C-alpha atoms as a PDB file:
ATOM      1  CA  UNK A   1      27.708 -57.068  -3.457  1.00  0.00           C
ATOM      2  CA  UNK A   2      29.857 -60.142  -4.254  1.00  0.00           C
ATOM      3  CA  UNK A   3      31.900 -58.122  -6.735  1.00  0.00           C
ATOM      4  CA  UNK A   4      32.970 -55.598  -4.078  1.00  0.00           C
ATOM      5  CA  UNK A   5      36.723 -55.115  -3.757  1.00  0.00           C
ATOM      6  CA  UNK A   6      38.946 -53.228  -1.342  1.00  0.00           C
ATOM      7  CA  UNK A   7      40.246 -50.376  -3.501  1.00  0.00           C
ATOM      8  CA  UNK A   8      43.616 -48.962  -2.471  1.00  0.00           C
ATOM      9  CA  UNK A   9      44.548 -47.321  -5.797  1.00  0.00           C
ATOM     10  CA  UNK A  10      42.461 -45.668  -8.530  1.00  0.00           C
ATOM     11  CA  UNK A  11      43.460 -45.656 -12.191  1.00  0.00           C
ATOM     12  CA  UNK A  12      42.873 -42.343 -13.996  1.00  0.00           C
ATOM     13  CA  UNK A  13      42.199 -43.103 -17.656  1.00  0.00           C
ATOM     14  CA  UNK A  14      41.763 -39.569 -19.003  1.00  0.00           C
ATOM     15  CA  UNK A  15      45.198 -39.683 -20.640  1.00  0.00           C
ATOM     16  CA  UNK A  16      45.161 -43.318 -21.754  1.00  0.00           C
ATOM     17  CA  UNK A  17      45.023 -42.451 -25.485  1.00  0.00           C
ATOM     18  CA  UNK A  18      47.787 -39.806 -25.502  1.00  0.00           C
ATOM     19  CA  UNK A  19      51.178 -40.393 -27.107  1.00  0.00           C
ATOM     20  CA  UNK A  20      54.539 -39.472 -25.541  1.00  0.00           C
ATOM     21  CA  UNK A  21      54.840 -36.397 -27.771  1.00  0.00           C
ATOM     22  CA  UNK A  22      51.344 -35.245 -26.774  1.00  0.00           C
ATOM     23  CA  UNK A  23      52.200 -35.719 -23.106  1.00  0.00           C
ATOM     24  CA  UNK A  24      55.306 -33.538 -23.432  1.00  0.00           C
ATOM     25  CA  UNK A  25      53.235 -30.800 -25.104  1.00  0.00           C
ATOM     26  CA  UNK A  26      50.508 -31.158 -22.488  1.00  0.00           C
ATOM     27  CA  UNK A  27      53.079 -31.054 -19.673  1.00  0.00           C
ATOM     28  CA  UNK A  28      54.543 -27.795 -21.028  1.00  0.00           C
ATOM     29  CA  UNK A  29      51.123 -26.179 -21.487  1.00  0.00           C
ATOM     30  CA  UNK A  30      49.902 -27.294 -18.045  1.00  0.00           C
ATOM     31  CA  UNK A  31      53.069 -26.046 -16.355  1.00  0.00           C
ATOM     32  CA  UNK A  32      52.707 -22.693 -18.152  1.00  0.00           C
ATOM     33  CA  UNK A  33      49.043 -22.399 -17.036  1.00  0.00           C
ATOM     34  CA  UNK A  34      49.942 -23.212 -13.436  1.00  0.00           C
ATOM     35  CA  UNK A  35      52.790 -20.679 -13.440  1.00  0.00           C
ATOM     36  CA  UNK A  36      50.414 -17.977 -14.794  1.00  0.00           C
ATOM     37  CA  UNK A  37      47.868 -18.848 -12.070  1.00  0.00           C
ATOM     38  CA  UNK A  38      50.543 -18.669  -9.351  1.00  0.00           C
ATOM     39  CA  UNK A  39      51.970 -15.378 -10.641  1.00  0.00           C
ATOM     40  CA  UNK A  40      48.659 -13.608 -11.362  1.00  0.00           C
ATOM     41  CA  UNK A  41      46.971 -14.570  -8.091  1.00  0.00           C
ATOM     42  CA  UNK A  42      50.180 -14.225  -6.071  1.00  0.00           C
ATOM     43  CA  UNK A  43      50.804 -10.717  -7.447  1.00  0.00           C
ATOM     44  CA  UNK A  44      47.300  -9.588  -6.498  1.00  0.00           C
ATOM     45  CA  UNK A  45      47.588 -11.100  -2.994  1.00  0.00           C
ATOM     46  CA  UNK A  46      50.969  -9.464  -2.344  1.00  0.00           C
ATOM     47  CA  UNK A  47      49.749  -6.101  -3.690  1.00  0.00           C
ATOM     48  CA  UNK A  48      46.698  -6.106  -1.412  1.00  0.00           C
ATOM     49  CA  UNK A  49      48.737  -7.182   1.636  1.00  0.00           C
ATOM     50  CA  UNK A  50      51.487  -4.582   1.136  1.00  0.00           C
ATOM     51  CA  UNK A  51      49.282  -1.627   0.203  1.00  0.00           C
ATOM     52  CA  UNK A  52      47.598  -0.286   3.339  1.00  0.00           C
ATOM     53  CA  UNK A  53      45.024   1.697   1.327  1.00  0.00           C
ATOM     54  CA  UNK A  54      43.729  -1.616  -0.068  1.00  0.00           C
ATOM     55  CA  UNK A  55      42.938  -2.939   3.412  1.00  0.00           C
ATOM     56  CA  UNK A  56      39.213  -2.525   2.828  1.00  0.00           C
ATOM     57  CA  UNK A  57      36.498  -5.239   2.776  1.00  0.00           C
ATOM     58  CA  UNK A  58      36.213  -5.397  -1.030  1.00  0.00           C
ATOM     59  CA  UNK A  59      39.952  -5.926  -1.511  1.00  0.00           C
ATOM     60  CA  UNK A  60      40.208  -8.300   1.454  1.00  0.00           C
ATOM     61  CA  UNK A  61      37.484 -10.473  -0.117  1.00  0.00           C
ATOM     62  CA  UNK A  62      39.328 -10.252  -3.454  1.00  0.00           C
ATOM     63  CA  UNK A  63      42.531 -11.376  -1.740  1.00  0.00           C
ATOM     64  CA  UNK A  64      40.593 -14.294  -0.245  1.00  0.00           C
ATOM     65  CA  UNK A  65      39.256 -15.183  -3.728  1.00  0.00           C
ATOM     66  CA  UNK A  66      42.798 -15.280  -5.152  1.00  0.00           C
ATOM     67  CA  UNK A  67      44.053 -17.330  -2.215  1.00  0.00           C
ATOM     68  CA  UNK A  68      41.181 -19.766  -2.795  1.00  0.00           C
ATOM     69  CA  UNK A  69      42.251 -20.124  -6.458  1.00  0.00           C
ATOM     70  CA  UNK A  70      45.759 -21.080  -5.304  1.00  0.00           C
ATOM     71  CA  UNK A  71      44.284 -23.568  -2.822  1.00  0.00           C
ATOM     72  CA  UNK A  72      41.965 -25.182  -5.391  1.00  0.00           C
ATOM     73  CA  UNK A  73      44.467 -25.447  -8.221  1.00  0.00           C
ATOM     74  CA  UNK A  74      47.061 -26.974  -5.861  1.00  0.00           C
ATOM     75  CA  UNK A  75      44.690 -29.930  -5.604  1.00  0.00           C
ATOM     76  CA  UNK A  76      44.881 -30.540  -9.361  1.00  0.00           C
ATOM     77  CA  UNK A  77      47.953 -29.186 -11.192  1.00  0.00           C
ATOM     78  CA  UNK A  78      50.864 -30.769  -9.233  1.00  0.00           C
ATOM     79  CA  UNK A  79      49.138 -34.173  -9.282  1.00  0.00           C
ATOM     80  CA  UNK A  80      48.206 -33.829 -12.953  1.00  0.00           C
ATOM     81  CA  UNK A  81      51.801 -33.002 -13.911  1.00  0.00           C
ATOM     82  CA  UNK A  82      52.866 -36.146 -12.054  1.00  0.00           C
ATOM     83  CA  UNK A  83      50.071 -38.123 -13.772  1.00  0.00           C
ATOM     84  CA  UNK A  84      51.698 -37.461 -17.140  1.00  0.00           C
ATOM     85  CA  UNK A  85      54.245 -39.984 -15.864  1.00  0.00           C
ATOM     86  CA  UNK A  86      51.959 -42.231 -13.781  1.00  0.00           C
ATOM     87  CA  UNK A  87      48.148 -42.439 -14.082  1.00  0.00           C
ATOM     88  CA  UNK A  88      47.366 -43.780 -10.606  1.00  0.00           C
ATOM     89  CA  UNK A  89      46.309 -42.227  -7.321  1.00  0.00           C
ATOM     90  CA  UNK A  90      45.818 -43.769  -3.885  1.00  0.00           C
ATOM     91  CA  UNK A  91      42.335 -44.144  -2.398  1.00  0.00           C
ATOM     92  CA  UNK A  92      43.092 -41.573   0.329  1.00  0.00           C
ATOM     93  CA  UNK A  93      44.755 -39.246  -2.172  1.00  0.00           C
ATOM     94  CA  UNK A  94      41.705 -39.495  -4.438  1.00  0.00           C
ATOM     95  CA  UNK A  95      39.278 -38.534  -1.654  1.00  0.00           C
ATOM     96  CA  UNK A  96      41.588 -35.686  -0.616  1.00  0.00           C
ATOM     97  CA  UNK A  97      41.715 -34.384  -4.193  1.00  0.00           C
ATOM     98  CA  UNK A  98      37.901 -34.456  -4.410  1.00  0.00           C
ATOM     99  CA  UNK A  99      37.666 -32.584  -1.111  1.00  0.00           C
ATOM    100  CA  UNK A 100      40.158 -29.872  -2.145  1.00  0.00           C
ATOM    101  CA  UNK A 101      38.667 -29.265  -5.613  1.00  0.00           C
ATOM    102  CA  UNK A 102      35.024 -29.282  -4.450  1.00  0.00           C
ATOM    103  CA  UNK A 103      35.682 -27.104  -1.377  1.00  0.00           C
ATOM    104  CA  UNK A 104      37.551 -24.669  -3.653  1.00  0.00           C
ATOM    105  CA  UNK A 105      34.497 -24.336  -5.906  1.00  0.00           C
ATOM    106  CA  UNK A 106      32.088 -23.973  -2.964  1.00  0.00           C
ATOM    107  CA  UNK A 107      34.352 -21.353  -1.356  1.00  0.00           C
ATOM    108  CA  UNK A 108      34.463 -19.442  -4.654  1.00  0.00           C
ATOM    109  CA  UNK A 109      30.673 -19.103  -4.619  1.00  0.00           C
ATOM    110  CA  UNK A 110      30.705 -18.080  -0.944  1.00  0.00           C
ATOM    111  CA  UNK A 111      33.371 -15.410  -1.512  1.00  0.00           C
ATOM    112  CA  UNK A 112      31.629 -14.041  -4.619  1.00  0.00           C
ATOM    113  CA  UNK A 113      28.415 -13.820  -2.582  1.00  0.00           C
ATOM    114  CA  UNK A 114      30.224 -11.842   0.135  1.00  0.00           C
ATOM    115  CA  UNK A 115      31.637  -9.529  -2.516  1.00  0.00           C
ATOM    116  CA  UNK A 116      28.110  -8.946  -3.860  1.00  0.00           C
ATOM    117  CA  UNK A 117      26.878  -8.174  -0.337  1.00  0.00           C
ATOM    118  CA  UNK A 118      29.774  -5.760   0.184  1.00  0.00           C
ATOM    119  CA  UNK A 119      29.017  -3.903  -3.073  1.00  0.00           C
ATOM    120  CA  UNK A 120      25.309  -3.830  -2.245  1.00  0.00           C
ATOM    121  CA  UNK A 121      25.983  -2.115   1.090  1.00  0.00           C
ATOM    122  CA  UNK A 122      28.592   0.250  -0.426  1.00  0.00           C
ATOM    123  CA  UNK A 123      26.315   1.482  -3.217  1.00  0.00           C
ATOM    124  CA  UNK A 124      22.830   1.210  -1.679  1.00  0.00           C
ATOM    125  CA  UNK A 125      23.771   2.330   1.860  1.00  0.00           C
ATOM    126  CA  UNK A 126      26.992   4.367   1.485  1.00  0.00           C
ATOM    127  CA  UNK A 127      26.570   6.353   4.723  1.00  0.00           C
ATOM    128  CA  UNK A 128      26.209   3.162   6.787  1.00  0.00           C
ATOM    129  CA  UNK A 129      28.960   1.210   4.984  1.00  0.00           C
ATOM    130  CA  UNK A 130      31.712   1.481   7.601  1.00  0.00           C
ATOM    131  CA  UNK A 131      29.321   0.780  10.474  1.00  0.00           C
ATOM    132  CA  UNK A 132      27.998  -2.337   8.691  1.00  0.00           C
ATOM    133  CA  UNK A 133      31.276  -3.706   7.241  1.00  0.00           C
ATOM    134  CA  UNK A 134      33.353  -3.540  10.417  1.00  0.00           C
ATOM    135  CA  UNK A 135      36.657  -5.419  10.774  1.00  0.00           C
ATOM    136  CA  UNK A 136      35.005  -7.873  13.148  1.00  0.00           C
ATOM    137  CA  UNK A 137      32.191  -8.619  10.687  1.00  0.00           C
ATOM    138  CA  UNK A 138      34.587  -8.956   7.747  1.00  0.00           C
ATOM    139  CA  UNK A 139      36.667 -11.529   9.676  1.00  0.00           C
ATOM    140  CA  UNK A 140      33.519 -13.469  10.622  1.00  0.00           C
ATOM    141  CA  UNK A 141      32.252 -13.463   7.034  1.00  0.00           C
ATOM    142  CA  UNK A 142      35.634 -14.643   5.734  1.00  0.00           C
ATOM    143  CA  UNK A 143      35.755 -17.484   8.261  1.00  0.00           C
ATOM    144  CA  UNK A 144      32.186 -18.422   7.344  1.00  0.00           C
ATOM    145  CA  UNK A 145      33.047 -18.480   3.622  1.00  0.00           C
ATOM    146  CA  UNK A 146      35.877 -20.955   4.321  1.00  0.00           C
ATOM    147  CA  UNK A 147      34.480 -23.141   7.105  1.00  0.00           C
ATOM    148  CA  UNK A 148      30.976 -23.803   5.726  1.00  0.00           C
ATOM    149  CA  UNK A 149      32.267 -25.328   2.431  1.00  0.00           C
ATOM    150  CA  UNK A 150      34.712 -27.447   4.444  1.00  0.00           C
ATOM    151  CA  UNK A 151      31.844 -28.663   6.643  1.00  0.00           C
ATOM    152  CA  UNK A 152      29.574 -29.476   3.657  1.00  0.00           C
ATOM    153  CA  UNK A 153      32.317 -31.307   1.777  1.00  0.00           C
ATOM    154  CA  UNK A 154      33.396 -33.221   4.879  1.00  0.00           C
ATOM    155  CA  UNK A 155      29.855 -34.666   5.093  1.00  0.00           C
ATOM    156  CA  UNK A 156      29.919 -35.525   1.363  1.00  0.00           C
ATOM    157  CA  UNK A 157      33.314 -37.249   1.652  1.00  0.00           C
ATOM    158  CA  UNK A 158      32.349 -39.222   4.779  1.00  0.00           C
ATOM    159  CA  UNK A 159      29.277 -40.614   2.972  1.00  0.00           C
ATOM    160  CA  UNK A 160      31.366 -41.415  -0.122  1.00  0.00           C
ATOM    161  CA  UNK A 161      34.058 -43.166   1.929  1.00  0.00           C
ATOM    162  CA  UNK A 162      31.435 -45.589   3.321  1.00  0.00           C
ATOM    163  CA  UNK A 163      30.684 -47.038  -0.140  1.00  0.00           C
ATOM    164  CA  UNK A 164      31.827 -50.473  -1.250  1.00  0.00           C
ATOM    165  CA  UNK A 165      33.359 -50.191  -4.718  1.00  0.00           C
ATOM    166  CA  UNK A 166      33.266 -52.658  -7.611  1.00  0.00           C
ATOM    167  CA  UNK A 167      36.013 -51.050  -9.664  1.00  0.00           C
ATOM    168  CA  UNK A 168      38.960 -48.682  -9.578  1.00  0.00           C
ATOM    169  CA  UNK A 169      38.994 -47.082 -13.051  1.00  0.00           C
ATOM    170  CA  UNK A 170      38.090 -43.373 -13.174  1.00  0.00           C
ATOM    171  CA  UNK A 171      37.611 -42.026 -16.703  1.00  0.00           C
ATOM    172  CA  UNK A 172      38.818 -38.509 -15.950  1.00  0.00           C
ATOM    173  CA  UNK A 173      42.023 -36.555 -15.487  1.00  0.00           C
ATOM    174  CA  UNK A 174      41.418 -36.265 -11.750  1.00  0.00           C
ATOM    175  CA  UNK A 175      39.226 -37.727  -9.029  1.00  0.00           C
ATOM    176  CA  UNK A 176      35.668 -36.457  -8.724  1.00  0.00           C
ATOM    177  CA  UNK A 177      32.840 -37.570  -6.484  1.00  0.00           C
ATOM    178  CA  UNK A 178      30.441 -38.627  -9.265  1.00  0.00           C
ATOM    179  CA  UNK A 179      33.128 -40.812 -10.869  1.00  0.00           C
ATOM    180  CA  UNK A 180      33.635 -42.619  -7.539  1.00  0.00           C
ATOM    181  CA  UNK A 181      29.868 -43.016  -7.016  1.00  0.00           C
ATOM    182  CA  UNK A 182      29.568 -44.734 -10.423  1.00  0.00           C
ATOM    183  CA  UNK A 183      31.959 -47.433  -9.138  1.00  0.00           C
ATOM    184  CA  UNK A 184      29.739 -48.228  -6.134  1.00  0.00           C
ATOM    185  CA  UNK A 185      28.284 -51.722  -5.696  1.00  0.00           C
ATOM    186  CA  UNK A 186      25.498 -50.333  -3.477  1.00  0.00           C
ATOM    187  CA  UNK A 187      22.681 -47.837  -3.864  1.00  0.00           C
ATOM    188  CA  UNK A 188      23.901 -44.225  -4.076  1.00  0.00           C
ATOM    189  CA  UNK A 189      20.518 -42.606  -3.371  1.00  0.00           C
ATOM    190  CA  UNK A 190      21.735 -41.000  -0.128  1.00  0.00           C
ATOM    191  CA  UNK A 191      24.843 -39.680  -1.868  1.00  0.00           C
ATOM    192  CA  UNK A 192      22.743 -38.212  -4.675  1.00  0.00           C
ATOM    193  CA  UNK A 193      20.349 -36.505  -2.264  1.00  0.00           C
ATOM    194  CA  UNK A 194      23.169 -34.956  -0.211  1.00  0.00           C
ATOM    195  CA  UNK A 195      25.051 -34.017  -3.394  1.00  0.00           C
ATOM    196  CA  UNK A 196      22.060 -32.253  -4.935  1.00  0.00           C
ATOM    197  CA  UNK A 197      21.356 -30.413  -1.664  1.00  0.00           C
ATOM    198  CA  UNK A 198      24.925 -29.055  -1.667  1.00  0.00           C
ATOM    199  CA  UNK A 199      24.753 -28.184  -5.386  1.00  0.00           C
ATOM    200  CA  UNK A 200      21.415 -26.358  -5.068  1.00  0.00           C
ATOM    201  CA  UNK A 201      22.584 -24.596  -1.900  1.00  0.00           C
ATOM    202  CA  UNK A 202      25.632 -23.128  -3.644  1.00  0.00           C
ATOM    203  CA  UNK A 203      23.866 -22.327  -6.892  1.00  0.00           C
ATOM    204  CA  UNK A 204      21.330 -20.605  -4.638  1.00  0.00           C
ATOM    205  CA  UNK A 205      24.177 -18.177  -3.937  1.00  0.00           C
ATOM    206  CA  UNK A 206      23.875 -17.155  -7.604  1.00  0.00           C
ATOM    207  CA  UNK A 207      20.210 -16.356  -7.081  1.00  0.00           C
ATOM    208  CA  UNK A 208      21.059 -14.197  -4.056  1.00  0.00           C
ATOM    209  CA  UNK A 209      23.695 -12.340  -6.078  1.00  0.00           C
ATOM    210  CA  UNK A 210      21.267 -11.709  -8.953  1.00  0.00           C
ATOM    211  CA  UNK A 211      18.649 -10.336  -6.526  1.00  0.00           C
ATOM    212  CA  UNK A 212      21.237  -8.074  -4.906  1.00  0.00           C
ATOM    213  CA  UNK A 213      22.269  -6.788  -8.321  1.00  0.00           C
ATOM    214  CA  UNK A 214      18.676  -5.826  -9.125  1.00  0.00           C
ATOM    215  CA  UNK A 215      18.828  -3.551  -6.075  1.00  0.00           C
ATOM    216  CA  UNK A 216      22.306  -2.360  -7.054  1.00  0.00           C
ATOM    217  CA  UNK A 217      21.245  -1.332 -10.547  1.00  0.00           C
ATOM    218  CA  UNK A 218      18.198   0.517  -9.215  1.00  0.00           C
ATOM    219  CA  UNK A 219      20.324   2.436  -6.721  1.00  0.00           C
ATOM    220  CA  UNK A 220      23.511   2.940  -8.762  1.00  0.00           C
ATOM    221  CA  UNK A 221      21.940   4.435 -11.875  1.00  0.00           C
ATOM    222  CA  UNK A 222      20.252   7.218  -9.925  1.00  0.00           C
ATOM    223  CA  UNK A 223      23.521   9.209  -9.898  1.00  0.00           C
ATOM    224  CA  UNK A 224      26.647   9.553 -12.039  1.00  0.00           C
ATOM    225  CA  UNK A 225      28.897   8.612  -9.096  1.00  0.00           C
ATOM    226  CA  UNK A 226      26.828   5.508  -8.366  1.00  0.00           C
ATOM    227  CA  UNK A 227      26.970   4.477 -12.014  1.00  0.00           C
ATOM    228  CA  UNK A 228      30.762   4.940 -12.024  1.00  0.00           C
ATOM    229  CA  UNK A 229      31.126   2.798  -8.888  1.00  0.00           C
ATOM    230  CA  UNK A 230      28.916   0.100 -10.387  1.00  0.00           C
ATOM    231  CA  UNK A 231      30.865  -0.069 -13.658  1.00  0.00           C
ATOM    232  CA  UNK A 232      34.234  -0.091 -11.904  1.00  0.00           C
ATOM    233  CA  UNK A 233      33.634  -2.572  -9.069  1.00  0.00           C
ATOM    234  CA  UNK A 234      30.508  -4.574  -9.947  1.00  0.00           C
ATOM    235  CA  UNK A 235      31.140  -5.416 -13.598  1.00  0.00           C
ATOM    236  CA  UNK A 236      34.384  -7.327 -12.765  1.00  0.00           C
ATOM    237  CA  UNK A 237      32.483  -9.193 -10.058  1.00  0.00           C
ATOM    238  CA  UNK A 238      29.720 -10.187 -12.491  1.00  0.00           C
ATOM    239  CA  UNK A 239      32.294 -11.352 -15.046  1.00  0.00           C
ATOM    240  CA  UNK A 240      34.010 -13.505 -12.407  1.00  0.00           C
ATOM    241  CA  UNK A 241      30.675 -14.958 -11.282  1.00  0.00           C
ATOM    242  CA  UNK A 242      29.675 -15.763 -14.881  1.00  0.00           C
ATOM    243  CA  UNK A 243      33.124 -17.246 -15.464  1.00  0.00           C
ATOM    244  CA  UNK A 244      32.891 -19.642 -12.488  1.00  0.00           C
ATOM    245  CA  UNK A 245      29.196 -20.538 -12.916  1.00  0.00           C
ATOM    246  CA  UNK A 246      29.341 -21.383 -16.629  1.00  0.00           C
ATOM    247  CA  UNK A 247      32.585 -23.366 -16.264  1.00  0.00           C
ATOM    248  CA  UNK A 248      31.222 -25.396 -13.353  1.00  0.00           C
ATOM    249  CA  UNK A 249      27.804 -26.015 -14.942  1.00  0.00           C
ATOM    250  CA  UNK A 250      29.514 -27.435 -18.019  1.00  0.00           C
ATOM    251  CA  UNK A 251      31.460 -29.898 -15.876  1.00  0.00           C
ATOM    252  CA  UNK A 252      28.525 -30.906 -13.653  1.00  0.00           C
ATOM    253  CA  UNK A 253      26.063 -31.404 -16.508  1.00  0.00           C
ATOM    254  CA  UNK A 254      28.497 -33.275 -18.708  1.00  0.00           C
ATOM    255  CA  UNK A 255      29.726 -35.532 -15.878  1.00  0.00           C
ATOM    256  CA  UNK A 256      26.176 -36.709 -15.143  1.00  0.00           C
ATOM    257  CA  UNK A 257      24.386 -36.454 -18.490  1.00  0.00           C
ATOM    258  CA  UNK A 258      27.103 -36.192 -21.157  1.00  0.00           C
ATOM    259  CA  UNK A 259      27.203 -38.519 -24.148  1.00  0.00           C
ATOM    260  CA  UNK A 260      29.957 -41.128 -24.535  1.00  0.00           C
ATOM    261  CA  UNK A 261      30.357 -40.307 -28.247  1.00  0.00           C
ATOM    262  CA  UNK A 262      32.347 -37.138 -27.442  1.00  0.00           C
ATOM    263  CA  UNK A 263      36.121 -37.463 -28.010  1.00  0.00           C
ATOM    264  CA  UNK A 264      38.402 -37.883 -24.980  1.00  0.00           C
ATOM    265  CA  UNK A 265      40.175 -34.574 -25.639  1.00  0.00           C
ATOM    266  CA  UNK A 266      36.845 -32.671 -25.464  1.00  0.00           C
ATOM    267  CA  UNK A 267      35.938 -34.560 -22.272  1.00  0.00           C
ATOM    268  CA  UNK A 268      39.303 -33.596 -20.768  1.00  0.00           C
ATOM    269  CA  UNK A 269      38.858 -29.922 -21.626  1.00  0.00           C
ATOM    270  CA  UNK A 270      35.343 -29.816 -20.162  1.00  0.00           C
ATOM    271  CA  UNK A 271      36.667 -31.493 -17.012  1.00  0.00           C
ATOM    272  CA  UNK A 272      39.490 -28.997 -16.347  1.00  0.00           C
ATOM    273  CA  UNK A 273      38.140 -25.686 -17.684  1.00  0.00           C
ATOM    274  CA  UNK A 274      36.781 -24.565 -14.273  1.00  0.00           C
ATOM    275  CA  UNK A 275      40.245 -25.272 -12.824  1.00  0.00           C
ATOM    276  CA  UNK A 276      41.964 -23.347 -15.610  1.00  0.00           C
ATOM    277  CA  UNK A 277      39.827 -20.431 -16.853  1.00  0.00           C
ATOM    278  CA  UNK A 278      38.494 -18.799 -13.610  1.00  0.00           C
ATOM    279  CA  UNK A 279      41.832 -18.892 -11.689  1.00  0.00           C
ATOM    280  CA  UNK A 280      43.577 -17.187 -14.640  1.00  0.00           C
ATOM    281  CA  UNK A 281      40.874 -14.692 -15.628  1.00  0.00           C
ATOM    282  CA  UNK A 282      39.699 -13.578 -12.161  1.00  0.00           C
ATOM    283  CA  UNK A 283      42.912 -11.786 -11.070  1.00  0.00           C
ATOM    284  CA  UNK A 284      43.411 -10.383 -14.591  1.00  0.00           C
ATOM    285  CA  UNK A 285      39.840  -9.013 -14.730  1.00  0.00           C
ATOM    286  CA  UNK A 286      40.156  -7.389 -11.303  1.00  0.00           C
ATOM    287  CA  UNK A 287      43.744  -6.278 -11.833  1.00  0.00           C
ATOM    288  CA  UNK A 288      42.906  -4.481 -15.074  1.00  0.00           C
ATOM    289  CA  UNK A 289      39.491  -3.106 -14.124  1.00  0.00           C
ATOM    290  CA  UNK A 290      40.029  -1.903 -10.539  1.00  0.00           C
ATOM    291  CA  UNK A 291      42.043   1.324 -10.770  1.00  0.00           C
ATOM    292  CA  UNK A 292      43.355   1.204  -7.190  1.00  0.00           C
ATOM    293  CA  UNK A 293      44.619  -2.361  -7.550  1.00  0.00           C
ATOM    294  CA  UNK A 294      46.244  -1.636 -10.914  1.00  0.00           C
ATOM    295  CA  UNK A 295      47.899   1.577  -9.709  1.00  0.00           C
ATOM    296  CA  UNK A 296      49.107  -0.039  -6.479  1.00  0.00           C
ATOM    297  CA  UNK A 297      50.650  -2.954  -8.371  1.00  0.00           C
ATOM    298  CA  UNK A 298      52.418  -0.631 -10.821  1.00  0.00           C
ATOM    299  CA  UNK A 299      53.596   1.519  -7.912  1.00  0.00           C
ATOM    300  CA  UNK A 300      55.088  -1.495  -6.121  1.00  0.00           C
ATOM    301  CA  UNK A 301      56.866  -2.597  -9.322  1.00  0.00           C
ATOM    302  CA  UNK A 302      58.244   0.942  -9.847  1.00  0.00           C
ATOM    303  CA  UNK A 303      59.434   1.178  -6.236  1.00  0.00           C
ATOM    304  CA  UNK A 304      61.222  -2.176  -6.494  1.00  0.00           C
ATOM    305  CA  UNK A 305      63.015  -1.069  -9.687  1.00  0.00           C
ATOM    306  CA  UNK A 306      64.116   2.164  -8.010  1.00  0.00           C
ATOM    307  CA  UNK A 307      65.442   0.250  -5.002  1.00  0.00           C
ATOM    308  CA  UNK A 308      67.403  -2.103  -7.290  1.00  0.00           C
ATOM    309  CA  UNK A 309      68.690   0.850  -9.323  1.00  0.00           C
ATOM    310  CA  UNK A 310      69.896   2.748  -6.267  1.00  0.00           C
ATOM    311  CA  UNK A 311      71.480  -0.436  -4.886  1.00  0.00           C
END
């Protein structure tokens, strides 16, 4: 307790061993990744908003997923680009970054669960689909998928903010809750219990999705039309779920149980892959696989060229 200090600034040491040349290369690559994320997710959002025939629950949830990717990555990329010049972050800024990144991940699981529920109703109960997935229910489900993660992470951050810290050095590229907990002078038992409850709750979403897909497979493969629907709309969803789950599990397991003998560059990659791979692949997977989305996007691009040509 005597070693406790009032921490106003955290030092992020993930880039401490990089040279100036490496930082320039990393800056260029990171900026390129962020631009691809903005363009890919932005294009899908705009396409769904402008095309009235895409104003259906599945596409609305997809739009929400892309918006969530923009929200989550905004908590990392701009700050990381700045960190290539300065490796510090304020105490408040650090807690805010943790909140944004963690709530982004939790919201991703919530949205993917809603998408699984939507597909389950569409394929298993097609005649009741429009009476079940009403506009009112879709809005409620979307609000729930955003507000519940915010509520859970607010509790986590309040508990974390009460800790007395004995250091200010975070050995990562960005702030994360476990890295802050390791700096605590006090017992973190309460934090661990709450953290594991939140983790198991959201990975429980995976279990729900798997159970729903057992029902989907049973129902879909009874007819050729059902099989076609499953392959077209459910396979992209499963790929996105696998993408997010594997990337996040890597980060969670390594952060808590990883060995210190691993090189810093490998640590850095494992720390950022869930902020890089899912936000890039998700819109590409859906954009290429879903015929209506792909055709609508190409139609909008063609219409814009015609307008420019006639002008």
